């Protein structure tokens, strides 16, 4: 049964298996403790769930109202003009239509991030310029460097997720407004605020007011995550009436289901419970971060979402940790090896109540250290072959000193590493025999590992096997007769002459001007080349730096998702 459950991860490239699939394979029809799907565990309240259950027959029997009716009710709650809002069957439906209607040739996105922002444009032949967030800076997004990257690449659409998924990085409103001013000539700027309700670093962090008055800004927001109802599938976007109307005109009249309608019309009566649920998630986030940080070798990154991004101790392989947590402890965690810009050494852990966190910490202690806290971390290098295409890319980047390799990104995907295959093979050094009296030269230059941090350091040699096993050693030579002057030992005739050392790779020169319309993403930069373009540019606008975080807000009534003041 355990093999059946863990095998589900091999068949999904973009995410973890659904909870329904895990429950079917689990044997008893119930799913594991969920630290994977990022939704609010405190909302709806049990009383609200009972009310919906009592109305279940009517909800599933009859057509819902039109999307316009449901949108009008939501806008009344959020104090937004309906002309500036389009509601979708989940934020992914809106991302799809934004891509089809408004993204012309290219899109920039910091990585790692929500996978649909990279995958959706690539599926329609757009160029996706990925700006890698640096582990050395805690995955914080430097807006000045991001702006310079967009200018260098000639990108036409920019995306920012605030907070970002999976690391929870947060940007203050004033910094985002400055970015919008600096990028006012772009076709489109998208601010994905799907997790912003869980942030407490600023009292009114949303930029929806800016979106409604600017010609090229869209704010995307999720309702399923905030309200703990992923299965209902509803989200909305805010933009000026022209942009919002263009997307809204393409949506079906009944693209929202009856459950979504019922929940939207319930919300006005449950603002206090919703505000309390958000406050409790924020408190749980602090407690959970504290408990996880106490585990030896585990790194917890700052987060303003309802999840924490953690780096496993050295030697721990994320797929092994994930599978053992699921099969031995019935706990589901999100291993991030299939997220571009991440690797199998990282997990995203959803914030849950303290009783569940204690179970999570206990399970991690047993999986990582055995039965004793603080014991040596086991070498989990024997992970499954479907671990991480990105980790394979990182290893190759190390071997090329960050200069890139032709079609590297395509190799990562085509070789199966990104989608549950056996990963991307490492280039193997050719055997070189060396005279017995001469020192042995390195088989291959591994390059500098510093440019990609520690993500590529673990397991970089594992794919090539032992460096000594595949290299034939010369036959033992008899000791030479004494001679007046020492001479080098003769080289056997059957031994090839060592090849000359390869020349250092030339630095990458970014192309000038935008890529022509229709050029696929994989025809652009390789992952290694993108990583070489992240140094601060001379004269970059330093006024776009982040501001320090402040305290929590004190929401006494319905928290306005629009960031336009407190609604009554």
Protein backbone atom coordinates (compact mmCIF):
# COMPACT_ATOMS: atom_id res chain seq x y z
CA UNK A 1 0.00 0.00 0.00
CA UNK A 2 2.87 2.36 0.78
CA UNK A 3 4.31 1.78 -2.70
CA UNK A 4 0.92 2.60 -4.24
CA UNK A 5 0.72 5.88 -2.35
CA UNK A 6 4.24 7.10 -3.08
CA UNK A 7 3.95 6.03 -6.73
CA UNK A 8 1.33 8.75 -7.17
CA UNK A 9 4.13 11.34 -7.01
CA UNK A 10 5.75 9.86 -10.12
CA UNK A 11 2.69 10.57 -12.24
CA UNK A 12 2.40 14.28 -11.44
CA UNK A 13 5.03 16.71 -12.69
CA UNK A 14 3.52 20.00 -11.60
CA UNK A 15 2.38 19.32 -8.05
CA UNK A 16 1.65 16.70 -5.43
CA UNK A 17 -1.21 14.23 -5.95
CA UNK A 18 -4.68 15.41 -4.97
CA UNK A 19 -5.99 14.62 -1.51
CA UNK A 20 -8.75 12.56 -3.14
CA UNK A 21 -6.16 10.37 -4.89
CA UNK A 22 -4.18 9.90 -1.67
CA UNK A 23 -7.35 9.00 0.25
CA UNK A 24 -8.28 6.38 -2.37
CA UNK A 25 -4.85 4.75 -2.14
CA UNK A 26 -4.61 5.07 1.64
CA UNK A 27 -6.83 2.06 2.28
CA UNK A 28 -9.23 3.56 4.82
CA UNK A 29 -10.61 6.37 2.63
CA UNK A 30 -9.07 9.15 4.72
CA UNK A 31 -6.20 11.38 3.72
CA UNK A 32 -3.02 12.18 5.67
CA UNK A 33 -2.42 15.23 7.86
CA UNK A 34 -2.04 17.91 5.20
CA UNK A 35 1.01 20.17 5.35
CA UNK A 36 0.98 20.50 1.55
CA UNK A 37 -2.16 22.35 0.37
CA UNK A 38 -1.98 25.99 1.60
CA UNK A 39 -5.46 26.81 2.87
CA UNK A 40 -6.91 28.33 6.02
CA UNK A 41 -7.54 25.56 8.61
CA UNK A 42 -9.88 27.73 10.74
CA UNK A 43 -12.41 28.83 8.12
CA UNK A 44 -15.20 28.11 7.40
CA UNK A 45 -16.19 27.44 10.97
CA UNK A 46 -17.83 24.09 11.87
CA UNK A 47 -21.18 25.88 12.13
CA UNK A 48 -20.79 27.26 8.60
CA UNK A 49 -19.94 23.79 7.31
CA UNK A 50 -23.05 22.37 8.98
CA UNK A 51 -25.17 25.05 7.32
CA UNK A 52 -23.75 24.22 3.89
CA UNK A 53 -24.23 20.51 4.52
CA UNK A 54 -27.90 21.10 5.33
CA UNK A 55 -28.32 22.89 1.98
CA UNK A 56 -26.26 20.38 -0.01
CA UNK A 57 -29.18 18.99 -2.05
CA UNK A 58 -30.27 22.42 -3.27
CA UNK A 59 -26.70 23.57 -3.91
CA UNK A 60 -25.83 20.66 -6.18
CA UNK A 61 -29.25 20.32 -7.83
CA UNK A 62 -29.82 23.78 -9.30
CA UNK A 63 -27.92 26.15 -11.54
CA UNK A 64 -26.07 28.95 -9.77
CA UNK A 65 -26.78 32.59 -10.48
CA UNK A 66 -24.84 34.26 -13.25
CA UNK A 67 -21.26 35.32 -12.64
CA UNK A 68 -22.38 38.97 -12.73
CA UNK A 69 -24.71 38.40 -9.78
CA UNK A 70 -22.06 36.66 -7.69
CA UNK A 71 -19.44 39.28 -8.63
CA UNK A 72 -21.77 42.10 -7.59
CA UNK A 73 -22.23 40.52 -4.15
CA UNK A 74 -18.49 40.07 -3.66
CA UNK A 75 -17.81 43.66 -4.74
CA UNK A 76 -20.39 44.93 -2.30
CA UNK A 77 -18.55 43.07 0.46
CA UNK A 78 -15.10 44.29 -0.62
CA UNK A 79 -16.18 47.82 -1.55
CA UNK A 80 -14.96 47.47 -5.12
CA UNK A 81 -16.67 48.63 -8.34
CA UNK A 82 -17.94 45.57 -10.25
CA UNK A 83 -16.66 47.06 -13.52
CA UNK A 84 -13.09 46.61 -12.23
CA UNK A 85 -13.50 42.96 -11.19
CA UNK A 86 -13.61 39.64 -13.00
CA UNK A 87 -14.31 36.43 -11.05
CA UNK A 88 -12.93 33.12 -12.22
CA UNK A 89 -13.25 29.43 -11.49
CA UNK A 90 -10.05 29.57 -9.49
CA UNK A 91 -7.11 31.90 -10.09
CA UNK A 92 -5.73 29.47 -12.68
CA UNK A 93 -8.67 30.19 -14.99
CA UNK A 94 -7.84 33.88 -14.80
CA UNK A 95 -4.12 33.21 -15.37
CA UNK A 96 -5.05 31.25 -18.48
CA UNK A 97 -7.17 34.04 -19.95
CA UNK A 98 -4.63 36.72 -19.03
CA UNK A 99 -2.02 34.74 -20.93
CA UNK A 100 -4.21 34.22 -23.99
CA UNK A 101 -5.53 37.78 -24.18
CA UNK A 102 -2.85 40.08 -22.76
CA UNK A 103 0.60 38.44 -22.94
CA UNK A 104 2.03 39.07 -26.41
CA UNK A 105 5.55 37.70 -26.62
CA UNK A 106 7.35 37.44 -23.29
CA UNK A 107 6.80 37.31 -19.55
CA UNK A 108 9.22 37.75 -16.63
CA UNK A 109 8.75 35.97 -13.33
CA UNK A 110 10.99 35.46 -10.27
CA UNK A 111 11.60 31.78 -9.51
CA UNK A 112 10.86 29.67 -7.58
CA UNK A 113 7.18 30.59 -7.72
CA UNK A 114 3.69 29.25 -8.47
CA UNK A 115 4.16 26.89 -11.40
CA UNK A 116 1.35 28.19 -13.60
CA UNK A 117 3.17 31.50 -14.04
CA UNK A 118 6.01 29.69 -15.79
CA UNK A 119 4.13 26.79 -17.39
CA UNK A 120 1.07 28.56 -18.83
CA UNK A 121 2.97 31.06 -21.05
CA UNK A 122 5.42 28.38 -22.19
CA UNK A 123 2.50 26.18 -23.24
CA UNK A 124 1.34 28.93 -25.60
CA UNK A 125 4.79 29.59 -27.07
CA UNK A 126 5.75 32.71 -25.11
CA UNK A 127 9.27 33.40 -23.91
CA UNK A 128 9.49 33.16 -20.13
CA UNK A 129 12.36 35.11 -18.56
CA UNK A 130 12.99 33.57 -15.15
CA UNK A 131 14.70 35.74 -12.56
CA UNK A 132 16.23 33.40 -9.93
CA UNK A 133 15.80 34.38 -6.30
CA UNK A 134 19.03 33.81 -4.43
CA UNK A 135 19.24 31.42 -1.50
CA UNK A 136 22.09 33.53 -0.10
CA UNK A 137 19.67 36.44 0.40
CA UNK A 138 16.86 34.33 1.82
CA UNK A 139 15.04 34.26 -1.53
CA UNK A 140 14.17 37.96 -1.14
CA UNK A 141 13.19 39.72 -4.37
CA UNK A 142 15.32 42.79 -5.10
CA UNK A 143 13.02 44.94 -7.24
CA UNK A 144 15.87 47.07 -8.57
CA UNK A 145 17.69 44.03 -9.93
CA UNK A 146 14.43 42.59 -11.25
CA UNK A 147 13.70 45.83 -13.10
CA UNK A 148 17.20 45.83 -14.61
CA UNK A 149 16.75 42.18 -15.64
CA UNK A 150 13.47 43.04 -17.41
CA UNK A 151 15.12 45.93 -19.27
CA UNK A 152 18.08 43.78 -20.30
CA UNK A 153 15.85 41.03 -21.64
CA UNK A 154 13.31 43.35 -23.27
CA UNK A 155 10.45 41.57 -21.52
CA UNK A 156 6.94 42.94 -22.12
CA UNK A 157 5.03 41.50 -19.10
CA UNK A 158 6.22 41.36 -15.48
CA UNK A 159 4.76 39.19 -12.72
CA UNK A 160 5.31 39.54 -8.97
CA UNK A 161 3.74 37.22 -6.39
CA UNK A 162 3.30 38.95 -3.04
CA UNK A 163 3.77 37.00 -0.81
CA UNK A 164 5.67 34.63 -3.06
CA UNK A 165 4.93 30.92 -3.18
CA UNK A 166 6.82 28.83 -1.98
CA UNK A 167 9.11 31.04 0.15
CA UNK A 168 6.60 33.56 1.53
CA UNK A 169 8.73 36.61 0.61
CA UNK A 170 6.92 39.93 1.05
CA UNK A 171 7.16 43.37 -0.59
CA UNK A 172 5.70 46.54 0.89
CA UNK A 173 3.14 48.53 -1.02
CA UNK A 174 5.32 51.63 -1.53
CA UNK A 175 8.06 49.51 -3.14
CA UNK A 176 5.58 47.91 -5.52
CA UNK A 177 4.13 51.29 -6.49
CA UNK A 178 7.63 52.54 -7.31
CA UNK A 179 8.16 49.44 -9.44
CA UNK A 180 4.90 50.13 -11.29
CA UNK A 181 6.06 53.69 -11.97
CA UNK A 182 9.40 52.47 -13.29
CA UNK A 183 7.73 49.85 -15.52
CA UNK A 184 4.83 51.99 -16.74
CA UNK A 185 5.75 51.33 -20.39
CA UNK A 186 5.34 47.53 -20.14
CA UNK A 187 2.36 45.85 -21.74
CA UNK A 188 1.28 44.46 -18.38
CA UNK A 189 2.28 44.20 -14.71
CA UNK A 190 0.59 41.44 -12.70
CA UNK A 191 0.67 41.42 -8.90
CA UNK A 192 -0.49 38.04 -7.61
CA UNK A 193 -1.83 38.63 -4.09
CA UNK A 194 -3.26 35.13 -3.60
CA UNK A 195 -1.76 34.82 -0.09
CA UNK A 196 -1.79 38.46 0.98
CA UNK A 197 -4.59 37.99 3.52
CA UNK A 198 -2.14 36.07 5.72
CA UNK A 199 0.48 38.86 5.79
CA UNK A 200 0.87 41.00 8.90
CA UNK A 201 3.89 43.15 7.99
CA UNK A 202 1.67 46.01 6.81
CA UNK A 203 -1.88 47.01 7.71
CA UNK A 204 -3.07 47.66 4.12
CA UNK A 205 -0.60 45.94 1.79
CA UNK A 206 -2.77 45.47 -1.31
CA UNK A 207 -2.22 47.54 -4.47
CA UNK A 208 -5.74 47.16 -5.90
CA UNK A 209 -6.31 50.91 -5.73
CA UNK A 210 -3.31 51.39 -8.01
CA UNK A 211 -4.53 48.68 -10.37
CA UNK A 212 -7.89 50.34 -10.92
CA UNK A 213 -6.36 53.64 -12.04
CA UNK A 214 -3.41 52.37 -14.07
CA UNK A 215 -3.63 51.20 -17.68
CA UNK A 216 -1.35 48.16 -17.37
CA UNK A 217 -1.75 46.65 -13.88
CA UNK A 218 -3.75 43.58 -12.81
CA UNK A 219 -4.05 42.34 -9.24
CA UNK A 220 -4.96 38.68 -8.86
CA UNK A 221 -6.49 37.36 -5.65
CA UNK A 222 -7.61 33.95 -4.42
CA UNK A 223 -10.62 33.18 -2.26
CA UNK A 224 -10.16 29.43 -1.86
CA UNK A 225 -6.87 29.78 0.04
CA UNK A 226 -8.12 32.50 2.39
CA UNK A 227 -11.44 30.81 3.09
CA UNK A 228 -10.04 27.28 3.32
CA UNK A 229 -12.11 26.11 0.34
CA UNK A 230 -9.77 25.10 -2.48
CA UNK A 231 -12.32 22.66 -3.85
CA UNK A 232 -14.88 25.37 -4.60
CA UNK A 233 -12.50 27.04 -7.09
CA UNK A 234 -13.04 30.77 -7.00
CA UNK A 235 -10.78 33.79 -7.31
CA UNK A 236 -10.92 37.27 -8.78
CA UNK A 237 -8.84 39.91 -10.51
CA UNK A 238 -8.92 43.70 -10.14
CA UNK A 239 -7.87 46.06 -12.94
CA UNK A 240 -9.05 49.15 -14.75
CA UNK A 241 -12.51 48.59 -16.32
CA UNK A 242 -11.06 48.13 -19.79
CA UNK A 243 -8.71 45.28 -18.80
CA UNK A 244 -11.19 43.68 -16.42
CA UNK A 245 -13.97 43.89 -19.01
CA UNK A 246 -11.80 42.27 -21.67
CA UNK A 247 -11.17 39.23 -19.47
CA UNK A 248 -14.73 39.16 -18.14
CA UNK A 249 -16.16 39.12 -21.69
CA UNK A 250 -14.38 35.82 -22.40
CA UNK A 251 -15.64 33.98 -19.31
CA UNK A 252 -18.72 31.73 -19.54
CA UNK A 253 -21.92 33.04 -18.00
CA UNK A 254 -21.95 30.22 -15.45
CA UNK A 255 -18.23 29.83 -14.83
CA UNK A 256 -18.82 30.00 -11.04
CA UNK A 257 -20.44 27.05 -9.29
CA UNK A 258 -23.29 27.01 -6.80
CA UNK A 259 -20.97 26.34 -3.84
CA UNK A 260 -19.03 29.51 -4.68
CA UNK A 261 -22.26 31.49 -4.81
CA UNK A 262 -23.46 30.12 -1.49
CA UNK A 263 -20.17 30.92 0.26
CA UNK A 264 -19.95 34.46 -1.16
CA UNK A 265 -23.45 35.26 0.10
CA UNK A 266 -22.60 33.78 3.55
CA UNK A 267 -19.47 35.87 4.07
CA UNK A 268 -21.14 39.13 5.10
CA UNK A 269 -22.47 37.36 8.21
CA UNK A 270 -19.13 35.88 9.22
CA UNK A 271 -16.60 38.70 8.97
CA UNK A 272 -15.60 38.44 12.64
CA UNK A 273 -14.89 34.69 12.39
CA UNK A 274 -12.87 35.23 9.23
CA UNK A 275 -10.76 37.96 10.84
CA UNK A 276 -10.11 35.73 13.84
CA UNK A 277 -9.06 32.85 11.59
CA UNK A 278 -6.43 35.00 9.88
CA UNK A 279 -5.14 36.22 13.24
CA UNK A 280 -4.81 32.62 14.45
CA UNK A 281 -2.91 31.54 11.31
CA UNK A 282 -0.41 34.38 11.87
CA UNK A 283 0.14 33.29 15.48
CA UNK A 284 0.52 29.66 14.39
CA UNK A 285 3.10 30.71 11.80
CA UNK A 286 5.34 32.19 14.49
CA UNK A 287 4.97 29.14 16.72
CA UNK A 288 5.59 26.71 13.87
CA UNK A 289 8.67 28.60 12.66
CA UNK A 290 10.07 28.53 16.19
CA UNK A 291 9.58 24.78 16.58
CA UNK A 292 11.05 23.94 13.17
CA UNK A 293 14.04 26.23 13.70
CA UNK A 294 14.99 24.15 16.73
CA UNK A 295 15.65 21.09 14.55
CA UNK A 296 19.41 20.72 13.94
CA UNK A 297 20.48 21.65 10.43
CA UNK A 298 17.01 22.75 9.29
CA UNK A 299 16.79 26.30 7.86
CA UNK A 300 13.45 28.17 8.03
CA UNK A 301 13.05 31.22 5.80
CA UNK A 302 10.96 34.28 6.77
CA UNK A 303 7.41 34.06 5.43
CA UNK A 304 4.32 36.25 5.22
CA UNK A 305 2.20 33.49 3.70
CA UNK A 306 0.39 30.66 5.43
CA UNK A 307 3.35 28.35 4.75
CA UNK A 308 7.04 28.09 5.58
CA UNK A 309 9.88 27.34 3.16
CA UNK A 310 12.52 25.14 4.77
CA UNK A 311 15.88 23.75 3.67
CA UNK A 312 16.62 20.23 4.84
CA UNK A 313 19.91 19.39 6.59
CA UNK A 314 22.92 18.46 4.49
CA UNK A 315 22.56 14.95 3.11
CA UNK A 316 18.77 14.80 3.34
CA UNK A 317 16.96 14.09 0.04
CA UNK A 318 13.53 15.69 -0.11
CA UNK A 319 11.73 12.90 -1.95
CA UNK A 320 12.91 10.36 0.62
CA UNK A 321 11.81 12.61 3.49
CA UNK A 322 8.45 13.19 1.79
CA UNK A 323 7.81 9.50 1.14
CA UNK A 324 8.82 8.41 4.64
CA UNK A 325 6.74 11.14 6.27
CA UNK A 326 3.74 9.94 4.27
CA UNK A 327 4.14 6.19 4.68
CA UNK A 328 5.50 6.10 8.25
CA UNK A 329 3.69 9.06 9.82
CA UNK A 330 0.73 9.78 7.46
CA UNK A 331 1.89 13.38 7.01
CA UNK A 332 1.86 14.99 3.56
CA UNK A 333 4.55 17.61 2.87
CA UNK A 334 5.35 19.53 -0.32
CA UNK A 335 8.77 18.59 -1.67
CA UNK A 336 9.88 21.38 -4.01
CA UNK A 337 12.26 19.59 -6.36
CA UNK A 338 9.94 20.09 -9.34
CA UNK A 339 9.71 23.85 -8.81
CA UNK A 340 12.00 25.75 -11.16
CA UNK A 341 14.61 27.57 -9.09
CA UNK A 342 14.32 25.14 -6.19
CA UNK A 343 15.61 21.62 -5.54
CA UNK A 344 14.76 18.46 -3.63
CA UNK A 345 16.49 19.85 -0.57
CA UNK A 346 13.56 22.22 0.06
CA UNK A 347 10.09 21.64 1.52
CA UNK A 348 7.11 23.98 1.72
CA UNK A 349 5.16 23.33 4.92
CA UNK A 350 1.69 24.79 5.40
CA UNK A 351 0.91 26.49 8.70
CA UNK A 352 -1.40 24.32 10.79
CA UNK A 353 -2.63 24.20 14.43
CA UNK A 354 -0.08 23.46 17.11
CA UNK A 355 -1.27 19.90 17.73
CA UNK A 356 -0.51 19.05 14.08
CA UNK A 357 2.83 20.89 14.18
CA UNK A 358 3.97 18.78 17.14
CA UNK A 359 3.19 15.68 15.11
CA UNK A 360 5.11 17.12 12.14
CA UNK A 361 8.17 17.95 14.24
CA UNK A 362 8.16 14.50 15.84
CA UNK A 363 7.97 12.84 12.42
CA UNK A 364 10.79 14.96 11.01
CA UNK A 365 12.99 14.14 14.01
CA UNK A 366 12.56 10.42 13.41
CA UNK A 367 13.06 10.62 9.65
CA UNK A 368 16.03 13.01 9.73
CA UNK A 369 17.88 11.94 12.86
CA UNK A 370 16.58 8.53 13.85
CA UNK A 371 15.18 8.28 17.35
CA UNK A 372 17.46 10.87 18.95
CA UNK A 373 17.18 14.61 18.35
CA UNK A 374 20.55 15.97 17.30
CA UNK A 375 21.89 12.64 16.04
CA UNK A 376 23.87 12.61 12.82
CA UNK A 377 21.77 13.34 9.77
CA UNK A 378 21.60 10.18 7.66
CA UNK A 379 22.88 10.26 4.12
CA UNK A 380 19.67 9.96 2.12
CA UNK A 381 21.40 10.00 -1.25
CA UNK A 382 19.56 6.89 -2.44
CA UNK A 383 16.46 8.92 -3.35
CA UNK A 384 14.12 8.05 -6.16
CA UNK A 385 15.03 9.00 -9.69
CA UNK A 386 12.14 11.42 -10.05
CA UNK A 387 13.54 13.87 -7.51
CA UNK A 388 14.37 17.11 -9.25
CA UNK A 389 15.05 18.31 -12.75
CA UNK A 390 16.12 21.64 -11.31
CA UNK A 391 18.70 19.97 -9.08
CA UNK A 392 20.13 18.31 -12.18
CA UNK A 393 20.35 21.71 -13.86
CA UNK A 394 22.13 23.09 -10.81
CA UNK A 395 24.71 20.31 -10.95
CA UNK A 396 25.41 21.02 -14.60
CA UNK A 397 25.70 24.72 -13.86
CA UNK A 398 28.44 23.89 -11.38
CA UNK A 399 30.35 21.93 -14.01
CA UNK A 400 30.21 24.79 -16.51
CA UNK A 401 31.12 27.48 -13.98
CA UNK A 402 27.73 29.13 -14.53
CA UNK A 403 28.42 29.90 -18.20
CA UNK A 404 25.68 27.65 -19.45
CA UNK A 405 25.40 24.80 -21.87
CA UNK A 406 23.48 24.87 -25.15
CA UNK A 407 19.82 23.84 -24.73
CA UNK A 408 20.38 23.07 -21.04
CA UNK A 409 16.80 23.85 -20.01
CA UNK A 410 15.42 21.73 -22.84
CA UNK A 411 17.68 18.85 -21.75
CA UNK A 412 16.32 19.10 -18.23
CA UNK A 413 12.74 18.83 -19.41
CA UNK A 414 13.27 16.46 -22.31
CA UNK A 415 15.30 14.06 -20.16
CA UNK A 416 12.41 13.56 -17.79
CA UNK A 417 13.96 15.19 -14.73
CA UNK A 418 11.21 17.80 -14.40
CA UNK A 419 8.33 15.45 -14.86
CA UNK A 420 8.89 12.27 -12.95
CA UNK A 421 11.51 10.58 -15.15
CA UNK A 422 14.98 9.49 -14.27
CA UNK A 423 16.50 12.95 -14.21
CA UNK A 424 19.12 14.51 -16.46
CA UNK A 425 22.30 12.47 -16.91
CA UNK A 426 25.57 14.01 -15.92
CA UNK A 427 28.35 14.33 -18.51
CA UNK A 428 30.91 11.62 -17.79
CA UNK A 429 34.62 12.32 -18.07
CA UNK A 430 36.53 10.16 -20.56
CA UNK A 431 39.05 7.73 -19.04
CA UNK A 432 42.57 9.13 -19.12
CA UNK A 433 45.52 6.94 -18.20
CA UNK A 434 48.48 8.62 -16.51
CA UNK A 435 52.11 7.51 -16.14
CA UNK A 436 52.86 5.86 -12.82
CA UNK A 437 55.48 8.40 -11.82
CA UNK A 438 53.43 11.41 -12.81
CA UNK A 439 50.77 13.00 -10.58
CA UNK A 440 47.22 12.33 -11.70
CA UNK A 441 45.42 15.32 -13.22
CA UNK A 442 41.80 16.04 -12.36
CA UNK A 443 39.40 14.11 -14.57
CA UNK A 444 37.16 17.10 -15.19
CA UNK A 445 36.86 20.60 -13.91
CA UNK A 446 33.88 20.96 -11.63
CA UNK A 447 33.86 24.75 -11.84
CA UNK A 448 32.94 27.13 -9.11
CA UNK A 449 29.99 26.10 -6.98
CA UNK A 450 29.63 29.46 -5.31
CA UNK A 451 27.43 30.96 -8.02
CA UNK A 452 24.50 28.71 -7.19
CA UNK A 453 24.78 28.38 -3.41
CA UNK A 454 24.39 25.08 -1.67
CA UNK A 455 21.53 23.80 -3.81
CA UNK A 456 23.94 22.13 -6.23
CA UNK A 457 26.51 21.01 -3.66
CA UNK A 458 24.67 17.93 -2.41
CA UNK A 459 24.80 14.93 -4.69
CA UNK A 460 26.64 16.63 -7.55
CA UNK A 461 29.00 13.68 -7.84
CA UNK A 462 26.37 11.01 -7.31
CA UNK A 463 25.19 10.96 -10.91
CA UNK A 464 28.64 10.22 -12.31
CA UNK A 465 29.42 7.46 -9.83
CA UNK A 466 32.84 7.00 -8.31
CA UNK A 467 35.47 9.00 -10.10
CA UNK A 468 38.04 6.27 -9.50
CA UNK A 469 35.98 3.28 -10.53
CA UNK A 470 35.65 4.20 -14.18
CA UNK A 471 39.30 5.29 -14.73
CA UNK A 472 41.77 2.53 -15.72
CA UNK A 473 45.06 2.64 -13.85
CA UNK A 474 48.35 1.97 -15.68
CA UNK A 475 50.13 -1.36 -15.24
CA UNK A 476 52.76 -1.39 -12.53
CA UNK A 477 56.19 -0.61 -13.99
CA UNK A 478 59.41 -2.26 -12.70
CA UNK A 479 61.82 0.00 -10.89
CA UNK A 480 64.34 1.52 -13.33
CA UNK A 481 68.04 0.74 -13.10
CA UNK A 482 70.20 3.33 -11.30
CA UNK A 483 71.30 6.10 -13.62
CA UNK A 484 73.54 9.14 -13.15
CA UNK A 485 70.64 11.52 -13.60
CA UNK A 486 66.95 10.90 -12.90
CA UNK A 487 64.70 10.63 -15.93
CA UNK A 488 60.91 10.57 -16.19
CA UNK A 489 59.36 7.14 -16.43
CA UNK A 490 58.54 6.10 -20.00
CA UNK A 491 54.94 6.31 -21.13
CA UNK A 492 53.57 2.95 -22.33
CA UNK A 493 52.73 2.98 -26.03
CA UNK A 494 49.19 1.79 -25.51
CA UNK A 495 48.32 4.72 -23.25
CA UNK A 496 46.71 7.77 -24.91
CA UNK A 497 48.18 11.20 -24.35
CA UNK A 498 46.07 13.26 -21.92
CA UNK A 499 43.99 15.81 -23.79
CA UNK A 500 44.72 19.50 -23.28
CA UNK A 501 42.77 21.29 -20.55
CA UNK A 502 39.54 22.82 -21.89
CA UNK A 503 39.47 26.55 -22.32
CA UNK A 504 37.54 28.57 -19.77
CA UNK A 505 33.97 29.24 -20.95
CA UNK A 506 33.35 32.66 -22.35
CA UNK A 507 31.06 34.90 -20.30
CA UNK A 508 27.50 35.04 -21.54
CA UNK A 509 26.46 38.18 -23.38
CA UNK A 510 22.70 38.79 -23.09
CA UNK A 511 20.90 39.41 -26.36
CA UNK A 512 19.82 42.91 -27.16
CA UNK A 513 16.23 43.77 -27.94
CA UNK A 514 13.11 41.65 -27.49
CA UNK A 515 12.80 38.14 -28.84
CA UNK A 516 10.56 38.04 -31.95
CA UNK A 517 6.93 37.12 -31.41
CA UNK A 518 6.30 33.39 -31.33
CA UNK A 519 9.81 32.23 -30.38
CA UNK A 520 9.35 29.44 -27.80
CA UNK A 521 10.62 29.89 -24.28
CA UNK A 522 13.20 27.14 -24.63
CA UNK A 523 14.77 29.03 -27.49
CA UNK A 524 15.71 31.81 -25.09
CA UNK A 525 18.15 31.68 -22.18
CA UNK A 526 19.19 28.46 -20.54
CA UNK A 527 18.78 28.15 -16.80
CA UNK A 528 22.54 28.54 -16.35
CA UNK A 529 22.62 31.69 -18.44
CA UNK A 530 19.78 33.22 -16.45
CA UNK A 531 21.72 32.58 -13.26
CA UNK A 532 24.65 34.50 -14.70
CA UNK A 533 22.55 37.65 -15.16
CA UNK A 534 21.63 38.38 -11.57
CA UNK A 535 24.45 40.63 -10.43
CA UNK A 536 23.39 44.20 -9.58
CA UNK A 537 23.72 46.38 -12.62
CA UNK A 538 25.73 49.59 -12.34
CA UNK A 539 23.45 52.52 -11.73
CA UNK A 540 20.43 50.35 -10.84
CA UNK A 541 17.71 52.41 -9.10
CA UNK A 542 18.42 51.80 -5.44
CA UNK A 543 15.25 53.54 -4.31
CA UNK A 544 13.39 50.30 -5.02
CA UNK A 545 14.88 48.55 -1.99
CA UNK A 546 12.52 46.96 0.53
CA UNK A 547 11.34 48.68 3.69
CA UNK A 548 11.56 47.01 7.11
CA UNK A 549 8.55 45.08 8.34
CA UNK A 550 6.22 46.61 10.91
CA UNK A 551 3.82 45.10 13.42
CA UNK A 552 0.53 43.30 13.03
CA UNK A 553 -2.69 45.07 12.09
CA UNK A 554 -5.57 45.18 14.56
CA UNK A 555 -8.55 44.25 12.42
CA UNK A 556 -11.67 44.74 14.52
CA UNK A 557 -14.18 44.06 11.74
CA UNK A 558 -14.30 42.52 8.29
CA UNK A 559 -10.76 42.64 6.81
CA UNK A 560 -11.08 44.37 3.47
CA UNK A 561 -9.31 42.27 0.84
CA UNK A 562 -9.08 45.31 -1.39
CA UNK A 563 -6.84 47.19 1.02
CA UNK A 564 -9.17 50.18 0.89
CA UNK A 565 -9.80 50.68 4.58
CA UNK A 566 -11.95 48.67 6.93
CA UNK A 567 -15.44 47.82 5.81
CA UNK A 568 -18.27 47.87 8.28
